[in-house]
N, C-alpha and C. Protein backbone atom coordinates (compact mmCIF):
# COMPACT_ATOMS: atom_id res chain seq x y z
N MET A 1 0.58 -1.16 -0.05
CA MET A 1 0.07 -0.12 0.29
C MET A 1 0.47 1.61 -0.10
N ALA A 2 0.77 1.84 -0.78
CA ALA A 2 1.63 3.45 -1.36
C ALA A 2 0.47 4.03 -0.24
N LEU A 3 1.88 5.79 0.09
CA LEU A 3 1.11 6.21 0.76
C LEU A 3 0.86 8.05 -0.01
N THR A 4 -0.25 8.54 -0.39
CA THR A 4 -0.25 9.68 -1.19
C THR A 4 -0.19 10.93 -0.68
N ILE A 5 0.26 11.86 -1.19
CA ILE A 5 0.64 13.41 -0.48
C ILE A 5 0.56 14.29 -0.81
N ASP A 6 -0.37 15.46 -0.26
CA ASP A 6 -0.74 16.06 -1.44
C ASP A 6 0.56 17.60 -2.07
N ILE A 7 1.22 18.06 -2.95
CA ILE A 7 2.23 19.07 -3.14
C ILE A 7 0.92 20.23 -3.32
N LYS A 8 1.20 21.10 -2.71
CA LYS A 8 0.64 22.63 -2.36
C LYS A 8 1.69 23.47 -3.19
N SER A 9 1.26 24.40 -3.53
CA SER A 9 1.64 26.24 -4.18
C SER A 9 1.59 26.80 -2.84
N PRO A 10 2.34 26.82 -2.98
CA PRO A 10 2.67 28.95 -1.74
C PRO A 10 1.55 29.46 -1.43
N ASP A 11 1.13 29.49 -2.14
CA ASP A 11 -0.90 30.59 -2.77
C ASP A 11 -1.30 29.21 -1.23
N GLY A 12 -1.06 27.74 -1.23
CA GLY A 12 -2.10 26.88 -0.34
C GLY A 12 -2.67 25.64 -1.04
N LYS A 13 -2.41 26.31 -2.81
CA LYS A 13 -3.66 25.20 -3.66
C LYS A 13 -3.18 24.04 -3.85
N LYS A 14 -4.06 22.93 -4.19
CA LYS A 14 -3.20 21.84 -4.65
C LYS A 14 -2.99 21.70 -5.93
N VAL A 15 -1.71 21.31 -6.32
CA VAL A 15 -1.20 21.71 -7.37
C VAL A 15 -0.73 20.56 -7.75
N GLY A 16 -0.19 18.74 -7.14
CA GLY A 16 -0.08 17.67 -7.18
C GLY A 16 -0.37 16.64 -6.48
N ASP A 17 0.00 15.26 -6.81
CA ASP A 17 -0.10 14.74 -5.43
C ASP A 17 1.07 13.88 -5.98
N VAL A 18 1.64 12.52 -4.96
CA VAL A 18 3.15 12.44 -5.16
C VAL A 18 2.64 11.00 -4.11
N THR A 19 3.34 9.88 -4.67
CA THR A 19 3.26 8.55 -3.37
C THR A 19 4.33 7.91 -3.84
N LEU A 20 4.48 7.71 -1.69
CA LEU A 20 5.76 6.78 -1.46
C LEU A 20 5.02 5.65 -1.20
N PRO A 21 6.28 5.53 -1.41
CA PRO A 21 6.41 3.69 -0.98
C PRO A 21 6.29 3.95 0.81
N SER A 22 5.50 2.82 1.30
CA SER A 22 4.91 2.96 2.53
C SER A 22 6.27 2.25 3.15
N GLU A 23 6.93 1.32 2.55
CA GLU A 23 7.61 0.55 3.89
C GLU A 23 9.16 1.56 3.85
N ILE A 24 8.81 2.95 3.44
CA ILE A 24 9.91 3.23 4.18
C ILE A 24 9.27 4.97 4.76
N PHE A 25 8.33 5.69 4.34
CA PHE A 25 7.43 6.66 4.54
C PHE A 25 5.98 6.56 5.71
N ASP A 26 6.36 4.95 5.65
CA ASP A 26 4.52 4.75 6.36
C ASP A 26 5.35 3.51 7.69
N VAL A 27 6.16 4.41 8.93
CA VAL A 27 6.67 2.73 10.15
C VAL A 27 6.30 4.14 11.25
N GLN A 28 6.32 2.87 11.58
CA GLN A 28 6.90 3.28 12.81
C GLN A 28 8.55 4.55 13.50
N ALA A 29 8.05 5.40 14.09
CA ALA A 29 9.16 6.57 14.34
C ALA A 29 10.05 5.64 15.59
N ASN A 30 11.55 5.68 15.31
CA ASN A 30 12.32 4.86 16.99
C ASN A 30 12.53 6.09 17.67
N VAL A 31 12.09 6.99 18.27
CA VAL A 31 12.81 8.25 19.21
C VAL A 31 13.82 8.29 19.73
N PRO A 32 13.97 6.15 20.33
CA PRO A 32 15.35 6.33 21.22
C PRO A 32 16.75 7.00 19.97
N LEU A 33 16.32 5.80 19.21
CA LEU A 33 16.73 5.99 18.25
C LEU A 33 17.61 7.41 17.43
N ILE A 34 16.48 8.29 17.41
CA ILE A 34 16.73 9.58 16.70
C ILE A 34 17.35 9.89 17.87
N HIS A 35 17.02 9.72 19.04
CA HIS A 35 17.84 11.03 20.91
C HIS A 35 19.81 10.59 20.98
N GLN A 36 19.85 9.40 20.27
CA GLN A 36 20.75 8.93 20.17
C GLN A 36 21.46 9.54 18.74
N VAL A 37 21.43 9.49 17.69
CA VAL A 37 22.05 10.60 16.67
C VAL A 37 21.75 12.06 16.72
N VAL A 38 20.83 12.26 17.61
CA VAL A 38 20.75 13.93 17.43
C VAL A 38 22.34 14.30 18.49
N VAL A 39 22.39 13.53 19.51
CA VAL A 39 23.49 13.92 20.97
C VAL A 39 24.25 13.75 20.45
N ALA A 40 24.79 12.69 19.19
CA ALA A 40 26.09 12.17 18.74
C ALA A 40 26.40 13.66 17.84
N GLN A 41 25.37 14.05 17.01
CA GLN A 41 25.83 15.32 16.55
C GLN A 41 25.84 16.03 17.22
N LEU A 42 25.46 16.81 18.57
CA LEU A 42 25.67 17.97 19.10
C LEU A 42 27.21 17.56 19.76
N ALA A 43 27.60 15.86 19.78
CA ALA A 43 29.03 16.13 20.68
C ALA A 43 30.05 15.96 19.57
N ALA A 44 29.95 15.83 18.51
CA ALA A 44 30.77 16.12 17.91
C ALA A 44 30.65 17.71 17.37
N ALA A 45 30.45 18.24 17.57
CA ALA A 45 29.94 19.93 16.96
C ALA A 45 30.85 20.61 17.88
N ARG A 46 31.29 20.17 19.21
CA ARG A 46 31.59 20.71 20.80
C ARG A 46 32.80 21.14 20.05
N GLN A 47 33.47 22.40 21.10
CA GLN A 47 34.70 22.26 20.07
C GLN A 47 36.28 21.81 20.50
N GLY A 48 35.77 21.76 22.42
CA GLY A 48 35.79 20.48 23.38
C GLY A 48 37.37 20.85 23.39
N THR A 49 37.75 22.51 23.79
CA THR A 49 39.54 22.97 23.83
C THR A 49 39.64 23.09 25.11
N ALA A 50 38.46 22.83 25.93
CA ALA A 50 38.80 23.67 27.21
C ALA A 50 39.38 22.93 28.25
N LYS A 51 40.34 23.82 29.37
CA LYS A 51 41.74 23.51 30.02
C LYS A 51 42.17 24.37 30.91
N THR A 52 42.24 23.60 32.29
CA THR A 52 42.38 24.64 33.25
C THR A 52 43.49 24.17 33.57
N LYS A 53 44.55 25.33 34.77
CA LYS A 53 46.35 24.81 34.67
C LYS A 53 45.45 24.12 35.82
N THR A 54 47.13 23.50 35.42
CA THR A 54 46.89 22.25 37.16
C THR A 54 48.23 22.90 37.34
N ARG A 55 48.92 23.05 38.59
CA ARG A 55 49.76 23.41 39.57
C ARG A 55 51.24 23.60 39.32
N GLY A 56 51.24 22.94 38.17
CA GLY A 56 52.93 23.27 37.30
C GLY A 56 52.65 23.98 36.71
N GLU A 57 51.32 24.47 36.18
CA GLU A 57 51.11 24.73 34.82
C GLU A 57 50.78 26.57 35.02
N VAL A 58 50.61 27.18 35.89
CA VAL A 58 50.56 28.63 36.63
C VAL A 58 51.88 29.19 37.60
N SER A 59 51.84 30.45 36.55
CA SER A 59 53.06 31.39 36.72
C SER A 59 53.87 31.96 38.29
N GLY A 60 54.25 31.03 39.32
CA GLY A 60 54.69 31.87 40.16
C GLY A 60 56.29 31.13 40.83
N THR A 61 56.42 31.85 41.97
CA THR A 61 57.46 31.28 42.49
C THR A 61 57.09 30.12 43.04
N GLY A 62 58.78 29.08 43.47
CA GLY A 62 58.59 27.89 44.49
C GLY A 62 58.71 28.09 46.17
N LYS A 63 58.81 29.49 45.86
CA LYS A 63 58.93 30.32 47.13
C LYS A 63 57.11 30.27 48.25
N LYS A 64 58.23 30.01 49.91
CA LYS A 64 56.42 30.10 50.57
C LYS A 64 56.28 32.15 50.72
N PRO A 65 54.86 31.66 50.52
CA PRO A 65 54.27 33.04 50.75
C PRO A 65 54.48 34.20 51.49
N PHE A 66 54.09 33.44 53.19
CA PHE A 66 54.71 34.34 53.95
C PHE A 66 54.96 33.17 55.37
N ALA A 67 55.37 33.59 56.43
CA ALA A 67 56.44 32.93 57.32
C ALA A 67 55.04 31.66 57.63
N GLN A 68 56.00 30.45 58.06
CA GLN A 68 55.06 29.24 58.79
C GLN A 68 53.37 29.99 59.45
N LYS A 69 55.03 30.03 60.70
CA LYS A 69 54.15 30.34 62.04
C LYS A 69 54.21 32.55 62.52
N GLY A 70 53.65 33.36 63.48
CA GLY A 70 53.20 34.05 63.60
C GLY A 70 52.14 35.12 62.59
N THR A 71 51.96 34.61 61.61
CA THR A 71 51.35 35.53 60.86
C THR A 71 50.11 35.84 61.72
N GLY A 72 49.66 34.46 61.28
CA GLY A 72 48.21 34.42 61.62
C GLY A 72 46.92 33.76 60.88
N ARG A 73 47.86 33.61 59.90
CA ARG A 73 47.05 33.45 58.37
C ARG A 73 47.19 31.71 58.74
N ALA A 74 46.33 30.95 57.50
CA ALA A 74 46.72 29.57 57.33
C ALA A 74 47.72 29.13 56.79
N ARG A 75 48.63 28.18 56.93
CA ARG A 75 49.98 28.31 56.39
C ARG A 75 49.34 27.58 55.64
N GLN A 76 50.81 28.09 53.72
CA GLN A 76 50.48 28.35 52.23
C GLN A 76 52.01 27.84 52.14
N GLY A 77 52.12 26.60 51.53
CA GLY A 77 53.63 26.19 50.88
C GLY A 77 54.10 26.87 49.87
N SER A 78 52.67 27.34 49.19
CA SER A 78 53.45 27.82 47.11
C SER A 78 51.61 28.66 46.98
N VAL A 79 51.92 29.01 45.90
CA VAL A 79 51.32 30.48 44.80
C VAL A 79 50.68 29.42 44.42
N ARG A 80 50.83 28.74 43.79
CA ARG A 80 50.84 27.81 43.02
C ARG A 80 49.90 26.31 43.52
N ALA A 81 49.54 26.44 45.14
CA ALA A 81 48.83 25.68 45.48
C ALA A 81 46.68 25.60 45.36
N PRO A 82 46.72 24.09 44.90
CA PRO A 82 45.66 24.48 44.58
C PRO A 82 44.24 25.50 45.59
N CYS A 83 44.93 25.21 46.98
CA CYS A 83 44.07 26.11 47.95
C CYS A 83 43.65 27.50 47.17
N SER A 84 44.89 28.22 46.42
CA SER A 84 44.66 29.32 46.68
C SER A 84 44.40 29.83 45.41
N VAL A 85 43.44 31.30 44.93
CA VAL A 85 42.49 31.43 43.52
C VAL A 85 42.73 31.23 42.56
N THR A 86 44.12 30.80 41.91
CA THR A 86 44.10 30.76 40.35
C THR A 86 44.43 29.43 39.80
N VAL A 87 44.48 28.33 40.87
CA VAL A 87 44.57 27.25 40.77
C VAL A 87 43.54 26.41 40.89
N VAL A 88 43.06 25.60 39.88
CA VAL A 88 41.14 24.95 40.26
C VAL A 88 41.85 22.99 39.61
N SER A 89 41.44 22.17 41.40
CA SER A 89 43.00 20.94 41.57
C SER A 89 41.64 20.13 40.45
N HIS A 90 40.74 19.71 40.26
CA HIS A 90 39.46 19.16 39.96
C HIS A 90 39.16 19.44 38.51
N MET A 91 39.49 20.38 37.99
CA MET A 91 38.29 20.74 36.31
C MET A 91 39.12 19.79 35.20
N VAL A 92 38.30 20.37 34.06
CA VAL A 92 38.98 19.10 33.25
C VAL A 92 40.26 19.30 32.17
N GLN A 93 40.94 18.89 31.89
CA GLN A 93 42.24 18.86 31.55
C GLN A 93 41.30 18.75 29.72
N TYR A 94 41.53 17.83 28.97
CA TYR A 94 40.84 18.39 27.52
C TYR A 94 39.66 17.99 27.17
N LEU A 95 38.37 18.12 27.12
CA LEU A 95 36.94 18.02 26.90
C LEU A 95 37.82 16.70 25.88
N VAL A 96 36.60 15.31 26.01
CA VAL A 96 37.38 14.67 24.61
C VAL A 96 35.31 13.89 24.56
N SER A 97 35.14 14.78 23.62
CA SER A 97 33.43 14.65 23.71
C SER A 97 33.27 13.73 22.28
N THR A 98 33.14 12.35 22.07
CA THR A 98 33.55 11.41 20.89
C THR A 98 32.33 10.30 21.64
N ILE A 99 30.89 10.47 20.42
CA ILE A 99 29.41 9.69 21.19
C ILE A 99 29.29 9.41 19.59
N ASN A 100 29.72 8.11 19.66
CA ASN A 100 29.81 7.66 18.49
C ASN A 100 27.89 6.65 18.10
N ALA A 101 27.83 7.53 16.55
CA ALA A 101 25.64 6.41 16.92
C ALA A 101 26.09 5.16 16.10
N PRO A 102 25.01 4.71 16.86
CA PRO A 102 24.67 3.34 15.62
C PRO A 102 24.76 3.15 14.25
N GLN A 103 25.66 2.22 13.18
CA GLN A 103 25.59 2.28 12.35
C GLN A 103 23.81 2.06 11.86
N ARG A 104 23.77 0.87 12.44
CA ARG A 104 22.04 -0.11 12.11
C ARG A 104 21.48 -0.79 12.90
N ARG A 105 19.99 0.17 12.80
CA ARG A 105 19.53 -0.02 14.07
C ARG A 105 17.67 -0.65 13.68
């Protein structure tokens, strides 16, 4: 059984009709498969160059910023330590987002 679709002009009048094969156009939509393909396409479109500096990559000296005792402040060993403001400890280094869509389903 074929599927017949009307062809309309920009004015909205019926100009003709076309017959579409039912084995292609008259099937149930596979929504989870469509979701997987959309997620894979969005992941492939991402730039993926997000990076944060580690303790060794932050500029600064190796000297202690202030004395260990007598200042009343919390002890600090380096300006480059993750507890300072300039370093993020557990962030992403390089974002790798490769999601493969299934080839046949």
